[in-house]
N, C-alpha and C. Protein backbone atom coordinates (compact mmCIF):
# COMPACT_ATOMS: atom_id res chain seq x y z
N MET A 1 25.68 203.08 91.77
CA MET A 1 25.37 202.09 90.70
C MET A 1 25.12 200.94 91.28
N LEU A 2 25.65 200.42 92.39
CA LEU A 2 25.53 199.19 93.12
C LEU A 2 24.22 199.30 94.02
N GLU A 3 23.84 200.49 94.28
CA GLU A 3 22.73 200.55 95.30
C GLU A 3 21.29 200.17 94.81
N ARG A 4 21.10 200.34 93.27
CA ARG A 4 19.86 199.84 92.82
C ARG A 4 19.89 198.40 92.69
N PRO A 5 20.94 197.67 92.33
CA PRO A 5 20.62 196.10 92.55
C PRO A 5 20.55 195.69 94.03
N ILE A 6 21.14 196.44 95.04
CA ILE A 6 20.88 195.87 96.32
C ILE A 6 19.38 196.30 96.73
N ARG A 7 18.90 197.44 96.21
CA ARG A 7 17.43 197.71 96.64
C ARG A 7 16.45 196.63 95.86
N LEU A 8 17.01 196.11 94.69
CA LEU A 8 16.03 195.18 93.97
C LEU A 8 16.12 194.07 94.94
N ALA A 9 17.43 193.46 95.44
CA ALA A 9 17.42 192.31 96.18
C ALA A 9 16.67 192.50 97.38
N ALA A 10 16.77 193.58 98.07
CA ALA A 10 15.92 193.94 99.33
C ALA A 10 14.34 193.62 99.07
N ALA A 11 13.93 194.20 97.86
CA ALA A 11 12.55 194.26 97.37
C ALA A 11 12.14 192.64 97.13
N VAL A 12 13.03 191.92 96.64
CA VAL A 12 12.67 190.52 96.16
C VAL A 12 12.70 189.77 97.44
N LEU A 13 13.58 190.06 98.43
CA LEU A 13 13.30 189.35 99.72
C LEU A 13 12.11 189.73 100.44
N PHE A 14 11.65 190.95 100.41
CA PHE A 14 10.59 191.41 101.13
C PHE A 14 9.32 190.64 100.38
N VAL A 15 9.21 190.52 99.04
CA VAL A 15 8.06 190.09 98.56
C VAL A 15 8.00 188.57 98.68
N VAL A 16 9.03 187.95 98.72
CA VAL A 16 9.25 186.44 99.04
C VAL A 16 8.63 186.36 100.31
N SER A 17 9.10 187.16 101.34
CA SER A 17 8.65 186.88 102.74
C SER A 17 7.16 187.01 102.75
N LEU A 18 6.64 188.21 102.26
CA LEU A 18 5.27 188.38 102.16
C LEU A 18 4.38 187.38 101.55
N GLY A 19 4.89 186.89 100.39
CA GLY A 19 4.08 185.72 99.61
C GLY A 19 4.18 184.61 100.43
N ALA A 20 5.15 184.07 101.23
CA ALA A 20 5.01 182.89 102.00
C ALA A 20 4.37 183.21 103.07
N ALA A 21 4.13 184.37 103.89
CA ALA A 21 3.18 184.71 104.85
C ALA A 21 1.80 184.63 104.43
N ALA A 22 1.55 185.28 103.23
CA ALA A 22 0.20 185.43 102.65
C ALA A 22 -0.38 184.07 102.19
N LEU A 23 0.33 183.31 101.68
CA LEU A 23 -0.03 181.77 101.47
C LEU A 23 -0.30 181.02 102.57
N GLY A 24 0.20 181.33 103.68
CA GLY A 24 -0.10 180.48 104.86
C GLY A 24 0.29 179.07 104.78
N THR A 25 1.34 178.95 103.97
CA THR A 25 1.84 177.49 103.85
C THR A 25 2.43 176.74 105.08
N ALA A 26 2.24 175.69 105.33
CA ALA A 26 2.85 174.86 106.43
C ALA A 26 4.24 174.71 106.37
N THR A 27 5.01 175.02 105.21
CA THR A 27 6.47 174.75 105.22
C THR A 27 7.03 176.27 105.60
N GLU A 28 8.23 176.04 106.28
CA GLU A 28 8.92 177.24 106.54
C GLU A 28 9.40 177.86 105.39
N PRO A 29 9.64 179.23 105.43
CA PRO A 29 10.17 180.05 104.34
C PRO A 29 11.56 179.51 103.87
N LEU A 30 11.89 179.63 102.65
CA LEU A 30 13.14 179.20 102.16
C LEU A 30 14.32 179.86 102.87
N ILE A 31 14.20 181.08 103.14
CA ILE A 31 15.24 181.86 103.82
C ILE A 31 14.48 182.68 104.98
N GLY A 32 15.37 182.86 106.02
CA GLY A 32 14.59 183.63 107.14
C GLY A 32 15.33 185.00 107.12
N GLU A 33 15.27 185.54 108.11
CA GLU A 33 15.80 186.96 108.52
C GLU A 33 17.25 186.91 108.29
N ARG A 34 17.91 185.95 108.92
CA ARG A 34 19.46 185.80 108.92
C ARG A 34 19.82 185.62 107.56
N GLN A 35 19.37 184.67 106.83
CA GLN A 35 19.84 184.57 105.43
C GLN A 35 19.39 185.76 104.60
N ALA A 36 18.37 186.30 104.95
CA ALA A 36 18.13 187.63 103.99
C ALA A 36 19.18 188.62 104.37
N ARG A 37 19.75 188.84 105.66
CA ARG A 37 20.78 189.79 105.91
C ARG A 37 21.96 189.37 105.04
N ILE A 38 22.43 187.99 105.19
CA ILE A 38 23.72 187.45 104.70
C ILE A 38 23.51 187.69 103.10
N PHE A 39 22.38 187.29 102.63
CA PHE A 39 21.98 187.63 101.04
C PHE A 39 22.63 189.16 100.63
N GLN A 40 22.09 190.06 101.37
CA GLN A 40 22.49 191.35 101.34
C GLN A 40 23.95 191.57 101.46
N GLN A 41 24.66 191.14 102.42
CA GLN A 41 26.04 191.33 102.80
C GLN A 41 27.00 190.68 101.95
N ALA A 42 26.64 189.31 101.49
CA ALA A 42 27.55 188.47 100.74
C ALA A 42 27.31 188.24 99.39
N CYS A 43 25.99 187.83 99.13
CA CYS A 43 25.56 187.24 97.75
C CYS A 43 25.09 188.55 96.67
N ALA A 44 24.41 189.40 97.22
CA ALA A 44 23.80 190.35 96.29
C ALA A 44 24.95 191.17 95.62
N HIS A 45 26.02 191.37 96.05
CA HIS A 45 27.04 192.13 95.30
C HIS A 45 27.34 191.51 93.87
N CYS A 46 27.13 190.23 93.58
CA CYS A 46 27.38 189.51 92.54
C CYS A 46 26.07 189.14 91.78
N HIS A 47 25.05 188.64 92.65
CA HIS A 47 24.01 187.77 92.09
C HIS A 47 22.84 188.75 91.71
N VAL A 48 22.87 190.10 91.87
CA VAL A 48 21.91 190.87 91.37
C VAL A 48 22.34 191.89 90.40
N ARG A 49 23.67 191.56 89.90
CA ARG A 49 24.29 192.55 88.87
C ARG A 49 24.42 191.77 87.48
N PRO A 50 23.45 192.06 86.55
CA PRO A 50 23.45 191.35 85.31
C PRO A 50 24.73 191.88 84.41
N GLY A 51 25.25 190.89 83.69
CA GLY A 51 26.41 191.43 82.71
C GLY A 51 27.90 191.08 83.32
N ILE A 52 27.92 190.54 84.46
CA ILE A 52 29.34 190.39 84.94
C ILE A 52 29.64 188.81 84.93
N GLY A 53 28.81 188.06 84.32
CA GLY A 53 29.13 186.66 84.29
C GLY A 53 28.77 185.72 85.38
N VAL A 54 27.92 186.27 86.16
CA VAL A 54 27.32 185.50 87.40
C VAL A 54 25.94 185.23 87.18
N PRO A 55 25.44 183.99 87.57
CA PRO A 55 23.92 183.93 87.39
C PRO A 55 23.22 184.74 88.36
N VAL A 56 22.26 185.49 87.70
CA VAL A 56 21.52 186.36 88.49
C VAL A 56 20.20 185.76 89.19
N LEU A 57 20.06 186.33 90.41
CA LEU A 57 18.72 185.99 91.07
C LEU A 57 17.51 186.10 90.28
N GLY A 58 16.70 185.05 90.17
CA GLY A 58 15.35 185.21 89.49
C GLY A 58 15.54 184.87 87.98
N ASP A 59 16.59 184.72 87.51
CA ASP A 59 16.75 184.55 85.88
C ASP A 59 16.77 183.04 85.70
N ALA A 60 15.75 182.34 85.40
CA ALA A 60 15.51 180.86 85.17
C ALA A 60 16.53 180.46 84.04
N GLY A 61 16.69 181.29 83.16
CA GLY A 61 17.56 180.65 81.99
C GLY A 61 18.93 180.60 82.37
N GLU A 62 19.29 181.54 83.18
CA GLU A 62 20.83 181.37 83.51
C GLU A 62 21.00 180.26 84.71
N TRP A 63 20.09 179.88 85.37
CA TRP A 63 20.15 178.76 86.41
C TRP A 63 19.82 177.45 85.86
N ALA A 64 19.06 177.43 84.70
CA ALA A 64 18.61 176.04 84.19
C ALA A 64 19.85 174.97 84.03
N GLY A 65 20.90 175.43 83.42
CA GLY A 65 21.92 174.39 83.33
C GLY A 65 22.66 174.10 84.43
N ARG A 66 22.74 175.02 85.43
CA ARG A 66 23.47 174.87 86.72
C ARG A 66 22.59 173.98 87.64
N ARG A 67 21.25 174.27 87.51
CA ARG A 67 20.34 173.34 88.32
C ARG A 67 20.48 171.86 87.80
N GLU A 68 20.88 171.60 86.57
CA GLU A 68 20.79 170.28 86.05
C GLU A 68 22.08 169.54 86.77
N GLN A 69 23.05 170.37 87.24
CA GLN A 69 24.30 169.54 87.83
C GLN A 69 23.92 169.04 89.11
N GLY A 70 22.72 169.57 89.74
CA GLY A 70 22.17 168.96 90.99
C GLY A 70 22.46 169.94 92.23
N PHE A 71 21.58 170.00 93.14
CA PHE A 71 21.86 170.82 94.10
C PHE A 71 22.95 170.79 95.11
N GLU A 72 23.31 169.41 95.17
CA GLU A 72 24.62 169.15 96.05
C GLU A 72 25.80 169.86 95.31
N THR A 73 25.72 169.50 93.98
CA THR A 73 26.93 170.22 93.41
C THR A 73 26.94 171.76 93.38
N LEU A 74 25.76 172.40 93.30
CA LEU A 74 25.80 173.96 93.47
C LEU A 74 26.32 174.20 95.03
N VAL A 75 25.97 173.30 95.91
CA VAL A 75 26.41 173.70 97.36
C VAL A 75 27.99 173.45 97.47
N ALA A 76 28.49 172.44 96.75
CA ALA A 76 29.80 172.12 96.73
C ALA A 76 30.65 173.29 96.16
N HIS A 77 30.25 173.71 94.98
CA HIS A 77 30.81 174.89 94.29
C HIS A 77 30.75 176.05 95.17
N THR A 78 29.72 176.15 95.86
CA THR A 78 29.75 177.55 96.88
C THR A 78 30.79 177.27 98.01
N VAL A 79 30.80 176.05 98.64
CA VAL A 79 31.63 175.81 99.75
C VAL A 79 33.18 175.88 99.17
N GLU A 80 33.48 175.22 98.15
CA GLU A 80 34.84 175.07 97.62
C GLU A 80 35.31 176.29 96.79
N GLY A 81 34.28 177.14 96.36
CA GLY A 81 34.62 178.24 95.44
C GLY A 81 34.55 177.54 94.04
N TYR A 82 34.19 178.37 92.92
CA TYR A 82 33.98 177.72 91.56
C TYR A 82 34.05 178.97 90.62
N ALA A 83 35.00 178.79 89.61
CA ALA A 83 35.18 179.81 88.50
C ALA A 83 35.60 181.14 89.39
N GLY A 84 35.00 182.13 89.27
CA GLY A 84 35.34 183.42 89.98
C GLY A 84 34.88 183.69 91.41
N MET A 85 34.05 182.69 91.90
CA MET A 85 33.39 182.77 93.25
C MET A 85 34.36 182.12 94.26
N PRO A 86 34.75 183.20 95.08
CA PRO A 86 35.65 182.61 96.14
C PRO A 86 34.90 181.33 97.04
N PRO A 87 35.78 180.70 97.79
CA PRO A 87 35.22 179.79 98.52
C PRO A 87 34.17 180.39 99.68
N LEU A 88 33.18 179.68 99.92
CA LEU A 88 31.96 180.14 100.80
C LEU A 88 31.33 181.41 100.25
N GLY A 89 31.50 181.89 99.10
CA GLY A 89 30.95 182.82 98.45
C GLY A 89 31.17 184.03 99.36
N THR A 90 32.33 184.31 99.83
CA THR A 90 32.55 185.38 100.65
C THR A 90 31.94 185.46 102.16
N CYS A 91 31.25 184.31 102.50
CA CYS A 91 30.61 184.20 103.55
C CYS A 91 31.25 183.37 104.72
N SER A 92 32.30 183.62 105.24
CA SER A 92 33.16 183.01 106.38
C SER A 92 32.38 182.66 107.44
N PHE A 93 31.27 183.38 107.86
CA PHE A 93 30.55 183.16 109.00
C PHE A 93 29.33 182.37 108.76
N CYS A 94 28.98 182.00 107.50
CA CYS A 94 27.81 181.18 107.13
C CYS A 94 27.80 179.71 107.86
N THR A 95 26.75 179.32 108.20
CA THR A 95 26.63 177.97 108.67
C THR A 95 26.31 177.04 107.39
N GLU A 96 26.37 175.65 107.51
CA GLU A 96 25.94 174.98 106.59
C GLU A 96 24.59 175.16 106.10
N ASP A 97 23.56 175.34 107.03
CA ASP A 97 22.24 175.64 106.91
C ASP A 97 21.96 176.77 105.96
N ASP A 98 22.80 178.01 106.39
CA ASP A 98 22.65 179.15 105.60
C ASP A 98 23.21 179.01 104.21
N LEU A 99 24.22 178.35 104.18
CA LEU A 99 24.62 178.14 102.61
C LEU A 99 23.66 177.32 101.87
N ARG A 100 23.21 176.23 102.55
CA ARG A 100 22.26 175.50 101.62
C ARG A 100 20.82 176.30 101.15
N ARG A 101 20.31 177.20 102.18
CA ARG A 101 19.15 177.86 102.16
C ARG A 101 19.43 179.02 100.95
N LEU A 102 20.72 179.45 101.16
CA LEU A 102 20.81 180.74 100.13
C LEU A 102 21.23 180.12 98.75
N VAL A 103 21.78 178.94 98.65
CA VAL A 103 22.14 178.34 97.19
C VAL A 103 20.55 178.16 96.69
N ALA A 104 19.56 177.59 97.40
CA ALA A 104 18.22 176.92 96.97
C ALA A 104 17.64 178.19 96.52
N PHE A 105 17.76 179.32 97.39
CA PHE A 105 17.03 180.63 97.04
C PHE A 105 17.48 181.20 95.69
N ILE A 106 18.92 181.35 95.76
CA ILE A 106 19.35 181.93 94.57
C ILE A 106 19.22 181.19 93.29
N ALA A 107 19.23 179.94 93.35
CA ALA A 107 19.23 179.14 92.23
C ALA A 107 17.63 178.94 91.73
N GLY A 108 16.68 179.53 92.62
CA GLY A 108 15.30 179.53 92.25
C GLY A 108 14.49 178.29 92.66
N TYR A 109 14.94 177.43 93.49
CA TYR A 109 14.12 176.30 93.99
C TYR A 109 12.92 176.81 94.76
N ALA A 110 11.94 176.19 94.76
CA ALA A 110 10.59 176.32 95.56
C ALA A 110 10.82 176.50 97.13
N SER A 111 11.57 175.43 97.36
CA SER A 111 11.92 175.27 98.87
C SER A 111 13.09 174.40 99.05
N LEU A 112 13.78 174.41 100.36
CA LEU A 112 14.89 173.54 100.58
C LEU A 112 14.78 172.12 100.32
N GLN A 113 13.49 171.66 100.65
CA GLN A 113 13.07 170.19 100.53
C GLN A 113 13.16 169.88 98.95
N ALA A 114 12.63 170.78 98.41
CA ALA A 114 12.64 170.52 96.76
C ALA A 114 14.03 170.63 96.18
N ALA A 115 14.83 171.36 96.51
CA ALA A 115 16.23 171.53 96.17
C ALA A 115 16.96 169.99 96.55
N GLU A 116 16.67 169.70 97.96
CA GLU A 116 17.29 168.56 98.15
C GLU A 116 17.04 167.18 97.55
N GLU A 117 15.71 167.20 97.17
CA GLU A 117 14.87 166.06 96.63
C GLU A 117 15.26 166.07 95.14
N GLY A 118 15.78 167.18 94.60
CA GLY A 118 16.18 167.21 93.11
C GLY A 118 14.99 167.65 92.29
N ALA A 119 13.93 168.42 92.86
CA ALA A 119 12.67 168.71 92.33
C ALA A 119 13.12 169.97 91.58
N PRO A 120 12.49 170.28 90.44
CA PRO A 120 12.60 171.58 89.62
C PRO A 120 12.24 172.72 90.38
């Protein structure tokens, strides 16, 4: 049952990586290989499973209100834990950069810079 959402997450990460490479953008990808592995290990268990009360990767409607709180608030919720999410989102080995990139990715920001600048 969990296998399908994890495959979906892997497919999403693959497409995101291809898209960034195909565009030939000067900016670095939002998440790298390390963060993609972390996403699969720590984040996908909840953020690709609709119906469990967790905002799902790619669902702009679920993220709209959360994004209005600001990127730094989302990062703080991740670090400190929030509602049912444990501190660090179960990623005790994540660096600050990992967490910031993963939050930006999962919340649907176009780039880490856009997230940090408060862009939609």
